[in-house]
Amino acid sequence: MLLRDTPNHYGSVTRLLHWTMALLLFWQLGGMIMKSVLGRVPLMKFWVGTHASIGALILALVVVRALWALRNRRRRPTYSSNAIGQVARIGHILLYLLMIVVPALALFRMAGSGKGVTLFGLEFAAPTGQEIAWMTAPANAVHGLLAWTLLALIAGHVAMVLVHRFGWRDDTLSRMIGRRVDAAAPLQSSTD
């Protein structure tokens, strides 16, 4: 089992972080979509009740993931130098940025809400009863909009995976699901 990335293959740590984040983001964004469709039904009470804790976990994991990516940056599959490769690079930077900003804003709002900070059933800050407007205002203004923007970027990411697999028939997806890629095969843009 290869832990670190190589120029032709993502290692098991990168793949574990990628697919764990995918599941957590599916849970978060899927829950908000279901809440929009179903309203506040009993199932949604549980699902939405996990939103802050899962958001904090996403933030922690994306920081770990970004640090791991930086550590492996010279070893990872590269982006092609053409326009598509550069768009892929920008898209991935935006994904990372939003995966950090969206939950960070929400946690900042939680800290300033006066309702306390409780994550995974653990109280990190007791309720004060006093809202701090400058802490809550940014998330109130853009958290939802940025989360839907993140969903749109994820949809574009998935669409490009399908284009790589079924349109261009390259090995991009194979590198992220754990299949070895022939070192002689031409590389396309990265999918992580």
C-alpha atoms as a PDB file:
ATOM      1  CA  MET A   1       0.000   0.000   0.000  1.00  0.00           C
ATOM      2  CA  LEU A   2       1.525   3.270  -1.148  1.00  0.00           C
ATOM      3  CA  LEU A   3       0.870   6.077   1.360  1.00  0.00           C
ATOM      4  CA  ARG A   4       2.395   8.986  -0.552  1.00  0.00           C
ATOM      5  CA  ASP A   5       1.462  10.306  -3.970  1.00  0.00           C
ATOM      6  CA  THR A   6       3.518   9.648  -7.090  1.00  0.00           C
ATOM      7  CA  PRO A   7       3.472  11.456 -10.435  1.00  0.00           C
ATOM      8  CA  ASN A   8       1.158   8.741 -11.814  1.00  0.00           C
ATOM      9  CA  HIS A   9      -0.897   7.745  -8.779  1.00  0.00           C
ATOM     10  CA  TYR A  10      -2.534   9.217  -5.680  1.00  0.00           C
ATOM     11  CA  GLY A  11      -1.433   7.480  -2.489  1.00  0.00           C
ATOM     12  CA  SER A  12      -3.791   5.941   0.026  1.00  0.00           C
ATOM     13  CA  VAL A  13      -3.727   8.976   2.353  1.00  0.00           C
ATOM     14  CA  THR A  14      -4.814  11.329  -0.446  1.00  0.00           C
ATOM     15  CA  ARG A  15      -7.500   8.906  -1.570  1.00  0.00           C
ATOM     16  CA  LEU A  16      -8.797   8.383   1.981  1.00  0.00           C
ATOM     17  CA  LEU A  17      -9.001  12.136   2.569  1.00  0.00           C
ATOM     18  CA  HIS A  18     -10.651  12.731  -0.834  1.00  0.00           C
ATOM     19  CA  TRP A  19     -13.384  10.102  -0.440  1.00  0.00           C
ATOM     20  CA  THR A  20     -14.032  10.902   3.242  1.00  0.00           C
ATOM     21  CA  MET A  21     -14.498  14.551   2.313  1.00  0.00           C
ATOM     22  CA  ALA A  22     -16.771  13.538  -0.573  1.00  0.00           C
ATOM     23  CA  LEU A  23     -19.020  11.577   1.809  1.00  0.00           C
ATOM     24  CA  LEU A  24     -19.095  14.356   4.405  1.00  0.00           C
ATOM     25  CA  LEU A  25     -19.891  16.993   1.778  1.00  0.00           C
ATOM     26  CA  PHE A  26     -22.620  14.740   0.358  1.00  0.00           C
ATOM     27  CA  TRP A  27     -24.086  14.501   3.883  1.00  0.00           C
ATOM     28  CA  GLN A  28     -23.906  18.274   4.421  1.00  0.00           C
ATOM     29  CA  LEU A  29     -25.161  19.454   1.061  1.00  0.00           C
ATOM     30  CA  GLY A  30     -27.622  16.574   0.677  1.00  0.00           C
ATOM     31  CA  GLY A  31     -29.112  17.463   4.044  1.00  0.00           C
ATOM     32  CA  MET A  32     -29.599  21.075   3.054  1.00  0.00           C
ATOM     33  CA  ILE A  33     -31.185  20.046  -0.250  1.00  0.00           C
ATOM     34  CA  MET A  34     -33.529  17.653   1.569  1.00  0.00           C
ATOM     35  CA  LYS A  35     -34.411  20.352   4.111  1.00  0.00           C
ATOM     36  CA  SER A  36     -35.264  22.698   1.242  1.00  0.00           C
ATOM     37  CA  VAL A  37     -37.479  20.029  -0.349  1.00  0.00           C
ATOM     38  CA  LEU A  38     -39.084  18.432   2.733  1.00  0.00           C
ATOM     39  CA  GLY A  39     -39.016  21.256   5.257  1.00  0.00           C
ATOM     40  CA  ARG A  40     -38.444  20.557   8.947  1.00  0.00           C
ATOM     41  CA  VAL A  41     -39.775  17.000   9.183  1.00  0.00           C
ATOM     42  CA  PRO A  42     -38.470  14.638  11.948  1.00  0.00           C
ATOM     43  CA  LEU A  43     -35.809  13.077   9.706  1.00  0.00           C
ATOM     44  CA  MET A  44     -34.488  16.541   8.924  1.00  0.00           C
ATOM     45  CA  LYS A  45     -34.228  17.422  12.615  1.00  0.00           C
ATOM     46  CA  PHE A  46     -31.552  14.738  13.037  1.00  0.00           C
ATOM     47  CA  TRP A  47     -29.846  15.458   9.714  1.00  0.00           C
ATOM     48  CA  VAL A  48     -29.709  19.218  10.190  1.00  0.00           C
ATOM     49  CA  GLY A  49     -28.774  18.656  13.850  1.00  0.00           C
ATOM     50  CA  THR A  50     -25.453  17.189  12.697  1.00  0.00           C
ATOM     51  CA  HIS A  51     -24.706  20.111  10.374  1.00  0.00           C
ATOM     52  CA  ALA A  52     -22.436  22.155  12.684  1.00  0.00           C
ATOM     53  CA  SER A  53     -20.436  19.149  13.912  1.00  0.00           C
ATOM     54  CA  ILE A  54     -19.927  17.738  10.414  1.00  0.00           C
ATOM     55  CA  GLY A  55     -19.008  21.224   9.178  1.00  0.00           C
ATOM     56  CA  ALA A  56     -16.307  21.463  11.852  1.00  0.00           C
ATOM     57  CA  LEU A  57     -15.031  18.021  10.860  1.00  0.00           C
ATOM     58  CA  ILE A  58     -14.932  19.082   7.195  1.00  0.00           C
ATOM     59  CA  LEU A  59     -12.926  22.165   8.119  1.00  0.00           C
ATOM     60  CA  ALA A  60     -10.425  20.105  10.124  1.00  0.00           C
ATOM     61  CA  LEU A  61     -10.084  17.517   7.354  1.00  0.00           C
ATOM     62  CA  VAL A  62      -9.665  20.076   4.582  1.00  0.00           C
ATOM     63  CA  VAL A  63      -6.821  21.688   6.521  1.00  0.00           C
ATOM     64  CA  VAL A  64      -5.177  18.256   6.905  1.00  0.00           C
ATOM     65  CA  ARG A  65      -5.871  17.563   3.241  1.00  0.00           C
ATOM     66  CA  ALA A  66      -4.375  20.876   2.105  1.00  0.00           C
ATOM     67  CA  LEU A  67      -1.257  20.333   4.227  1.00  0.00           C
ATOM     68  CA  TRP A  68      -0.896  16.792   2.833  1.00  0.00           C
ATOM     69  CA  ALA A  69      -1.309  18.104  -0.721  1.00  0.00           C
ATOM     70  CA  LEU A  70       1.369  20.748  -0.100  1.00  0.00           C
ATOM     71  CA  ARG A  71       3.716  18.120   1.320  1.00  0.00           C
ATOM     72  CA  ASN A  72       3.186  15.944  -1.763  1.00  0.00           C
ATOM     73  CA  ARG A  73       2.975  18.742  -4.336  1.00  0.00           C
ATOM     74  CA  ARG A  74       6.148  17.764  -6.186  1.00  0.00           C
ATOM     75  CA  ARG A  75       5.174  14.095  -6.216  1.00  0.00           C
ATOM     76  CA  ARG A  76       1.532  14.374  -7.345  1.00  0.00           C
ATOM     77  CA  PRO A  77       0.120  13.944 -10.827  1.00  0.00           C
ATOM     78  CA  THR A  78       0.505  17.268 -12.599  1.00  0.00           C
ATOM     79  CA  TYR A  79      -1.947  19.465 -14.431  1.00  0.00           C
ATOM     80  CA  SER A  80      -1.509  19.708 -18.160  1.00  0.00           C
ATOM     81  CA  SER A  81      -0.165  23.074 -19.311  1.00  0.00           C
ATOM     82  CA  ASN A  82      -3.049  23.742 -21.711  1.00  0.00           C
ATOM     83  CA  ALA A  83      -6.130  25.834 -20.937  1.00  0.00           C
ATOM     84  CA  ILE A  84      -8.111  22.842 -19.650  1.00  0.00           C
ATOM     85  CA  GLY A  85      -5.336  21.988 -17.209  1.00  0.00           C
ATOM     86  CA  GLN A  86      -5.225  25.561 -15.940  1.00  0.00           C
ATOM     87  CA  VAL A  87      -9.021  25.680 -15.529  1.00  0.00           C
ATOM     88  CA  ALA A  88      -8.755  22.406 -13.561  1.00  0.00           C
ATOM     89  CA  ARG A  89      -6.087  23.966 -11.324  1.00  0.00           C
ATOM     90  CA  ILE A  90      -8.264  27.049 -10.675  1.00  0.00           C
ATOM     91  CA  GLY A  91     -11.295  24.849 -10.040  1.00  0.00           C
ATOM     92  CA  HIS A  92      -9.419  22.819  -7.449  1.00  0.00           C
ATOM     93  CA  ILE A  93      -8.107  25.952  -5.733  1.00  0.00           C
ATOM     94  CA  LEU A  94     -11.675  27.286  -5.543  1.00  0.00           C
ATOM     95  CA  LEU A  95     -12.916  23.959  -4.138  1.00  0.00           C
ATOM     96  CA  TYR A  96     -10.272  24.038  -1.393  1.00  0.00           C
ATOM     97  CA  LEU A  97     -10.957  27.712  -0.674  1.00  0.00           C
ATOM     98  CA  LEU A  98     -14.699  27.191  -0.318  1.00  0.00           C
ATOM     99  CA  MET A  99     -14.250  24.005   1.734  1.00  0.00           C
ATOM    100  CA  ILE A 100     -12.323  26.186   4.197  1.00  0.00           C
ATOM    101  CA  VAL A 101     -14.340  29.417   4.055  1.00  0.00           C
ATOM    102  CA  VAL A 102     -17.874  27.954   4.209  1.00  0.00           C
ATOM    103  CA  PRO A 103     -17.463  26.022   7.488  1.00  0.00           C
ATOM    104  CA  ALA A 104     -15.115  28.639   8.976  1.00  0.00           C
ATOM    105  CA  LEU A 105     -17.754  31.337   8.521  1.00  0.00           C
ATOM    106  CA  ALA A 106     -20.394  29.105  10.101  1.00  0.00           C
ATOM    107  CA  LEU A 107     -18.195  28.296  13.099  1.00  0.00           C
ATOM    108  CA  PHE A 108     -17.355  31.967  13.509  1.00  0.00           C
ATOM    109  CA  ARG A 109     -21.101  32.725  13.474  1.00  0.00           C
ATOM    110  CA  MET A 110     -21.711  29.979  16.041  1.00  0.00           C
ATOM    111  CA  ALA A 111     -19.024  31.416  18.310  1.00  0.00           C
ATOM    112  CA  GLY A 112     -20.591  34.877  18.092  1.00  0.00           C
ATOM    113  CA  SER A 113     -24.214  33.755  18.376  1.00  0.00           C
ATOM    114  CA  GLY A 114     -24.351  33.839  22.158  1.00  0.00           C
ATOM    115  CA  LYS A 115     -25.818  30.306  22.090  1.00  0.00           C
ATOM    116  CA  GLY A 116     -22.536  28.584  22.889  1.00  0.00           C
ATOM    117  CA  VAL A 117     -20.484  26.195  20.814  1.00  0.00           C
ATOM    118  CA  THR A 118     -21.353  22.508  21.042  1.00  0.00           C
ATOM    119  CA  LEU A 119     -19.892  20.041  18.539  1.00  0.00           C
ATOM    120  CA  PHE A 120     -20.382  16.274  18.639  1.00  0.00           C
ATOM    121  CA  GLY A 121     -22.126  16.723  21.994  1.00  0.00           C
ATOM    122  CA  LEU A 122     -19.146  18.476  23.591  1.00  0.00           C
ATOM    123  CA  GLU A 123     -19.512  22.034  24.825  1.00  0.00           C
ATOM    124  CA  PHE A 124     -16.561  24.147  23.718  1.00  0.00           C
ATOM    125  CA  ALA A 125     -18.051  27.491  24.771  1.00  0.00           C
ATOM    126  CA  ALA A 126     -20.934  28.120  27.143  1.00  0.00           C
ATOM    127  CA  PRO A 127     -23.912  30.214  26.049  1.00  0.00           C
ATOM    128  CA  THR A 128     -23.563  33.897  26.886  1.00  0.00           C
ATOM    129  CA  GLY A 129     -26.930  35.062  25.638  1.00  0.00           C
ATOM    130  CA  GLN A 130     -25.285  37.958  23.819  1.00  0.00           C
ATOM    131  CA  GLU A 131     -24.821  37.957  20.071  1.00  0.00           C
ATOM    132  CA  ILE A 132     -21.719  39.597  18.647  1.00  0.00           C
ATOM    133  CA  ALA A 133     -22.981  41.067  15.384  1.00  0.00           C
ATOM    134  CA  TRP A 134     -19.620  41.476  13.665  1.00  0.00           C
ATOM    135  CA  MET A 135     -18.991  37.736  14.156  1.00  0.00           C
ATOM    136  CA  THR A 136     -22.402  36.596  12.918  1.00  0.00           C
ATOM    137  CA  ALA A 137     -22.959  39.061  10.061  1.00  0.00           C
ATOM    138  CA  PRO A 138     -20.494  37.590   7.502  1.00  0.00           C
ATOM    139  CA  ALA A 139     -21.953  34.081   7.732  1.00  0.00           C
ATOM    140  CA  ASN A 140     -25.502  35.424   7.780  1.00  0.00           C
ATOM    141  CA  ALA A 141     -24.711  37.274   4.554  1.00  0.00           C
ATOM    142  CA  VAL A 142     -22.842  34.642   2.522  1.00  0.00           C
ATOM    143  CA  HIS A 143     -22.640  31.186   4.162  1.00  0.00           C
ATOM    144  CA  GLY A 144     -25.603  29.794   2.233  1.00  0.00           C
ATOM    145  CA  LEU A 145     -24.620  31.425  -1.060  1.00  0.00           C
ATOM    146  CA  LEU A 146     -21.059  30.135  -0.804  1.00  0.00           C
ATOM    147  CA  ALA A 147     -22.305  26.652   0.148  1.00  0.00           C
ATOM    148  CA  TRP A 148     -24.484  26.523  -3.008  1.00  0.00           C
ATOM    149  CA  THR A 149     -21.494  27.792  -4.996  1.00  0.00           C
ATOM    150  CA  LEU A 150     -19.444  24.946  -3.506  1.00  0.00           C
ATOM    151  CA  LEU A 151     -22.173  22.521  -4.591  1.00  0.00           C
ATOM    152  CA  ALA A 152     -21.992  23.920  -8.141  1.00  0.00           C
ATOM    153  CA  LEU A 153     -18.199  23.473  -8.180  1.00  0.00           C
ATOM    154  CA  ILE A 154     -18.569  19.911  -6.896  1.00  0.00           C
ATOM    155  CA  ALA A 155     -21.111  19.198  -9.648  1.00  0.00           C
ATOM    156  CA  GLY A 156     -18.626  20.574 -12.187  1.00  0.00           C
ATOM    157  CA  HIS A 157     -15.878  18.437 -10.645  1.00  0.00           C
ATOM    158  CA  VAL A 158     -18.001  15.298 -10.953  1.00  0.00           C
ATOM    159  CA  ALA A 159     -18.993  16.240 -14.510  1.00  0.00           C
ATOM    160  CA  MET A 160     -15.333  16.568 -15.472  1.00  0.00           C
ATOM    161  CA  VAL A 161     -14.580  13.178 -13.918  1.00  0.00           C
ATOM    162  CA  LEU A 162     -17.230  11.743 -16.250  1.00  0.00           C
ATOM    163  CA  VAL A 163     -15.744  13.632 -19.215  1.00  0.00           C
ATOM    164  CA  HIS A 164     -12.279  12.252 -18.375  1.00  0.00           C
ATOM    165  CA  ARG A 165     -13.613   8.719 -18.001  1.00  0.00           C
ATOM    166  CA  PHE A 166     -16.164   8.446 -20.815  1.00  0.00           C
ATOM    167  CA  GLY A 167     -15.242  11.281 -23.179  1.00  0.00           C
ATOM    168  CA  TRP A 168     -11.473  11.448 -23.137  1.00  0.00           C
ATOM    169  CA  ARG A 169     -11.048   7.868 -21.840  1.00  0.00           C
ATOM    170  CA  ASP A 170      -7.960   8.736 -19.809  1.00  0.00           C
ATOM    171  CA  ASP A 171      -6.717   7.416 -16.467  1.00  0.00           C
ATOM    172  CA  THR A 172      -7.576  10.406 -14.291  1.00  0.00           C
ATOM    173  CA  LEU A 173     -10.289   8.588 -12.331  1.00  0.00           C
ATOM    174  CA  SER A 174      -8.120   5.483 -11.955  1.00  0.00           C
ATOM    175  CA  ARG A 175      -5.519   7.523 -10.073  1.00  0.00           C
ATOM    176  CA  MET A 176      -8.113   8.577  -7.479  1.00  0.00           C
ATOM    177  CA  ILE A 177      -9.811   5.201  -6.998  1.00  0.00           C
ATOM    178  CA  GLY A 178      -6.537   3.397  -6.414  1.00  0.00           C
ATOM    179  CA  ARG A 179      -5.726   1.686  -9.667  1.00  0.00           C
ATOM    180  CA  ARG A 180      -2.145   1.953 -10.805  1.00  0.00           C
ATOM    181  CA  VAL A 181      -1.564   4.012 -13.932  1.00  0.00           C
ATOM    182  CA  ASP A 182       1.110   3.100 -16.455  1.00  0.00           C
ATOM    183  CA  ALA A 183       4.020   5.512 -16.075  1.00  0.00           C
ATOM    184  CA  ALA A 184       4.251   5.803 -19.860  1.00  0.00           C
ATOM    185  CA  ALA A 185       0.616   6.910 -20.204  1.00  0.00           C
ATOM    186  CA  PRO A 186       0.137  10.602 -20.950  1.00  0.00           C
ATOM    187  CA  LEU A 187      -1.170  12.588 -17.977  1.00  0.00           C
ATOM    188  CA  GLN A 188      -4.224  14.797 -18.171  1.00  0.00           C
ATOM    189  CA  SER A 189      -5.292  17.344 -15.574  1.00  0.00           C
ATOM    190  CA  SER A 190      -5.472  16.235 -11.944  1.00  0.00           C
ATOM    191  CA  THR A 191      -8.792  15.298 -10.307  1.00  0.00           C
ATOM    192  CA  ASP A 192      -7.912  16.094  -6.738  1.00  0.00           C
END
